Amino acid sequence: QVQVVESGGGSVQPGGSLRLSCAASGSIFSIGAMDWYRQAPGKGRELVAGSGSNTYYADSVKGRFTISRDNVKNTVYLQMNSLKPEDTAVYYCCVLIGGYYYWGKGTLVTVSS
C-alpha cells in the first residue's frame, strides 16, 4: 500500500508565502514524477508544478512558486511566494510509483485579506 499525504496549507494574506509538503510512504521501490495540482472553487483540477524529467510550472505561477523534492524522504515541496487571491484552491499531490498514480486528499490554501 502507498500513502500520499499533503500538509502545510492554511490562510494567508495576499503577498504572503506558504510551503506545502507531500510525503509518500508504504511499498515504494521507485518514484517517478511528483507533481502538484490545484482545484479552485467551481473550476477543474490543473497542474501547477511538476518534478519529473523536466520541471514544469503553469504560467500563472512561474516566478512565484518553486517545486523541489527530497528523494531520500520521498517528499516533494511547493514553496509559494507572492500569493494572490486567485491562488486559493485545494492543492493536491500526485505521485507516480511503479507505473501507477497516487493522489493525496489535498490541503486547502486560502489567500484573502
C-alpha atoms as a PDB file:
ATOM      1  CA  GLN A   1       0.000   0.000   0.000  1.00  0.00           C
ATOM      2  CA  VAL A   2       1.094   3.532  -0.758  1.00  0.00           C
ATOM      3  CA  GLN A   3       0.020   6.615   1.150  1.00  0.00           C
ATOM      4  CA  VAL A   4       0.378  10.183  -0.075  1.00  0.00           C
ATOM      5  CA  VAL A   5      -0.183  12.936   2.464  1.00  0.00           C
ATOM      6  CA  GLU A   6      -0.053  16.689   1.902  1.00  0.00           C
ATOM      7  CA  SER A   7       0.484  19.287   4.610  1.00  0.00           C
ATOM      8  CA  GLY A   8       1.239  22.974   5.007  1.00  0.00           C
ATOM      9  CA  GLY A   9      -1.943  24.590   3.764  1.00  0.00           C
ATOM     10  CA  GLY A  10      -3.621  27.441   5.562  1.00  0.00           C
ATOM     11  CA  SER A  11      -4.821  31.011   5.320  1.00  0.00           C
ATOM     12  CA  VAL A  12      -2.522  33.831   4.273  1.00  0.00           C
ATOM     13  CA  GLN A  13      -2.847  37.429   3.163  1.00  0.00           C
ATOM     14  CA  PRO A  14      -2.078  38.471  -0.411  1.00  0.00           C
ATOM     15  CA  GLY A  15       1.658  38.747  -0.897  1.00  0.00           C
ATOM     16  CA  GLY A  16       2.360  36.130   1.727  1.00  0.00           C
ATOM     17  CA  SER A  17       4.090  32.770   1.477  1.00  0.00           C
ATOM     18  CA  LEU A  18       3.352  29.154   2.273  1.00  0.00           C
ATOM     19  CA  ARG A  19       5.306  25.943   1.899  1.00  0.00           C
ATOM     20  CA  LEU A  20       3.422  22.762   1.085  1.00  0.00           C
ATOM     21  CA  SER A  21       4.843  19.313   1.694  1.00  0.00           C
ATOM     22  CA  CYS A  22       3.830  15.960   0.305  1.00  0.00           C
ATOM     23  CA  ALA A  23       5.210  12.700   1.644  1.00  0.00           C
ATOM     24  CA  ALA A  24       4.808   9.295   0.037  1.00  0.00           C
ATOM     25  CA  SER A  25       5.136   6.200   2.195  1.00  0.00           C
ATOM     26  CA  GLY A  26       4.495   2.481   2.063  1.00  0.00           C
ATOM     27  CA  SER A  27       5.587  -0.075  -0.505  1.00  0.00           C
ATOM     28  CA  ILE A  28       7.781   2.149  -2.644  1.00  0.00           C
ATOM     29  CA  PHE A  29      10.535   0.834  -4.880  1.00  0.00           C
ATOM     30  CA  SER A  30      10.953   3.778  -7.180  1.00  0.00           C
ATOM     31  CA  ILE A  31       9.247   7.097  -7.621  1.00  0.00           C
ATOM     32  CA  GLY A  32       8.859   8.905 -10.898  1.00  0.00           C
ATOM     33  CA  ALA A  33       7.185  12.258 -11.168  1.00  0.00           C
ATOM     34  CA  MET A  34       5.921  14.068  -8.082  1.00  0.00           C
ATOM     35  CA  ASP A  35       3.531  16.806  -9.104  1.00  0.00           C
ATOM     36  CA  TRP A  36       1.319  19.451  -7.559  1.00  0.00           C
ATOM     37  CA  TYR A  37      -2.205  20.144  -8.819  1.00  0.00           C
ATOM     38  CA  ARG A  38      -4.846  22.508  -7.553  1.00  0.00           C
ATOM     39  CA  GLN A  39      -8.580  22.873  -7.812  1.00  0.00           C
ATOM     40  CA  ALA A  40     -10.196  26.229  -7.176  1.00  0.00           C
ATOM     41  CA  PRO A  41     -13.885  26.504  -6.234  1.00  0.00           C
ATOM     42  CA  GLY A  42     -16.046  25.843  -9.261  1.00  0.00           C
ATOM     43  CA  LYS A  43     -13.099  25.004 -11.500  1.00  0.00           C
ATOM     44  CA  GLY A  44     -11.357  21.915 -12.771  1.00  0.00           C
ATOM     45  CA  ARG A  45      -8.136  20.487 -11.450  1.00  0.00           C
ATOM     46  CA  GLU A  46      -5.000  21.984 -13.016  1.00  0.00           C
ATOM     47  CA  LEU A  47      -1.328  21.051 -12.975  1.00  0.00           C
ATOM     48  CA  VAL A  48       0.595  23.707 -11.073  1.00  0.00           C
ATOM     49  CA  ALA A  49       4.119  22.301 -10.938  1.00  0.00           C
ATOM     50  CA  GLY A  50       5.784  19.053 -11.909  1.00  0.00           C
ATOM     51  CA  SER A  51       9.084  17.446 -10.921  1.00  0.00           C
ATOM     52  CA  GLY A  52       9.503  14.719 -13.494  1.00  0.00           C
ATOM     53  CA  SER A  53      12.329  14.524 -16.005  1.00  0.00           C
ATOM     54  CA  ASN A  54      11.750  18.219 -16.649  1.00  0.00           C
ATOM     55  CA  THR A  55      10.495  20.750 -14.149  1.00  0.00           C
ATOM     56  CA  TYR A  56       7.184  22.306 -15.164  1.00  0.00           C
ATOM     57  CA  TYR A  57       5.304  25.356 -13.949  1.00  0.00           C
ATOM     58  CA  ALA A  58       1.953  26.673 -15.013  1.00  0.00           C
ATOM     59  CA  ASP A  59       2.255  30.147 -16.497  1.00  0.00           C
ATOM     60  CA  SER A  60       0.146  31.563 -13.688  1.00  0.00           C
ATOM     61  CA  VAL A  61       2.726  30.582 -11.038  1.00  0.00           C
ATOM     62  CA  LYS A  62       6.045  30.996 -12.850  1.00  0.00           C
ATOM     63  CA  GLY A  63       8.454  33.126 -10.861  1.00  0.00           C
ATOM     64  CA  ARG A  64       6.382  32.762  -7.667  1.00  0.00           C
ATOM     65  CA  PHE A  65       6.256  29.021  -6.951  1.00  0.00           C
ATOM     66  CA  THR A  66       9.175  26.616  -6.655  1.00  0.00           C
ATOM     67  CA  ILE A  67       8.928  22.840  -6.624  1.00  0.00           C
ATOM     68  CA  SER A  68      11.634  20.737  -5.023  1.00  0.00           C
ATOM     69  CA  ARG A  69      11.966  17.181  -3.837  1.00  0.00           C
ATOM     70  CA  ASP A  70      13.900  15.085  -1.359  1.00  0.00           C
ATOM     71  CA  ASN A  71      14.293  11.643  -2.896  1.00  0.00           C
ATOM     72  CA  VAL A  72      15.611  10.160   0.350  1.00  0.00           C
ATOM     73  CA  LYS A  73      12.475  11.210   2.218  1.00  0.00           C
ATOM     74  CA  ASN A  74      10.146  10.566  -0.765  1.00  0.00           C
ATOM     75  CA  THR A  75       8.875  14.096  -0.267  1.00  0.00           C
ATOM     76  CA  VAL A  76       8.060  16.927  -2.634  1.00  0.00           C
ATOM     77  CA  TYR A  77       7.657  20.560  -1.617  1.00  0.00           C
ATOM     78  CA  LEU A  78       5.969  23.553  -3.131  1.00  0.00           C
ATOM     79  CA  GLN A  79       7.258  26.926  -1.988  1.00  0.00           C
ATOM     80  CA  MET A  80       4.630  29.533  -2.797  1.00  0.00           C
ATOM     81  CA  ASN A  81       5.578  33.208  -2.639  1.00  0.00           C
ATOM     82  CA  SER A  82       3.739  36.405  -3.568  1.00  0.00           C
ATOM     83  CA  LEU A  83       0.448  34.610  -3.160  1.00  0.00           C
ATOM     84  CA  LYS A  84      -2.633  36.058  -4.828  1.00  0.00           C
ATOM     85  CA  PRO A  85      -6.335  35.572  -4.086  1.00  0.00           C
ATOM     86  CA  GLU A  86      -6.602  33.555  -7.308  1.00  0.00           C
ATOM     87  CA  ASP A  87      -4.199  31.004  -5.829  1.00  0.00           C
ATOM     88  CA  THR A  88      -6.961  29.998  -3.430  1.00  0.00           C
ATOM     89  CA  ALA A  89      -7.608  26.298  -4.018  1.00  0.00           C
ATOM     90  CA  VAL A  90      -7.241  22.815  -2.674  1.00  0.00           C
ATOM     91  CA  TYR A  91      -3.732  21.667  -3.556  1.00  0.00           C
ATOM     92  CA  TYR A  92      -3.206  18.006  -4.357  1.00  0.00           C
ATOM     93  CA  CYS A  93      -0.064  15.962  -4.687  1.00  0.00           C
ATOM     94  CA  CYS A  94       0.194  13.266  -7.343  1.00  0.00           C
ATOM     95  CA  VAL A  95       2.999  10.723  -7.285  1.00  0.00           C
ATOM     96  CA  LEU A  96       3.944   8.201  -9.958  1.00  0.00           C
ATOM     97  CA  ILE A  97       5.069   4.946  -8.350  1.00  0.00           C
ATOM     98  CA  GLY A  98       5.592   1.723 -10.228  1.00  0.00           C
ATOM     99  CA  GLY A  99       3.519   2.927 -13.169  1.00  0.00           C
ATOM    100  CA  TYR A 100       0.541   3.975 -11.032  1.00  0.00           C
ATOM    101  CA  TYR A 101      -0.557   7.461  -9.977  1.00  0.00           C
ATOM    102  CA  TYR A 102      -1.337   8.012  -6.320  1.00  0.00           C
ATOM    103  CA  TRP A 103      -3.168  11.089  -5.059  1.00  0.00           C
ATOM    104  CA  GLY A 104      -3.310  12.713  -1.681  1.00  0.00           C
ATOM    105  CA  LYS A 105      -6.511  14.082  -0.170  1.00  0.00           C
ATOM    106  CA  GLY A 106      -5.416  17.681  -0.621  1.00  0.00           C
ATOM    107  CA  THR A 107      -4.612  20.667   1.547  1.00  0.00           C
ATOM    108  CA  LEU A 108      -6.555  23.934   1.434  1.00  0.00           C
ATOM    109  CA  VAL A 109      -4.807  27.210   0.667  1.00  0.00           C
ATOM    110  CA  THR A 110      -6.815  30.389   1.182  1.00  0.00           C
ATOM    111  CA  VAL A 111      -5.403  33.767   0.147  1.00  0.00           C
ATOM    112  CA  SER A 112      -7.528  36.605   1.426  1.00  0.00           C
ATOM    113  CA  SER A 113      -7.229  39.953   3.125  1.00  0.00           C
END
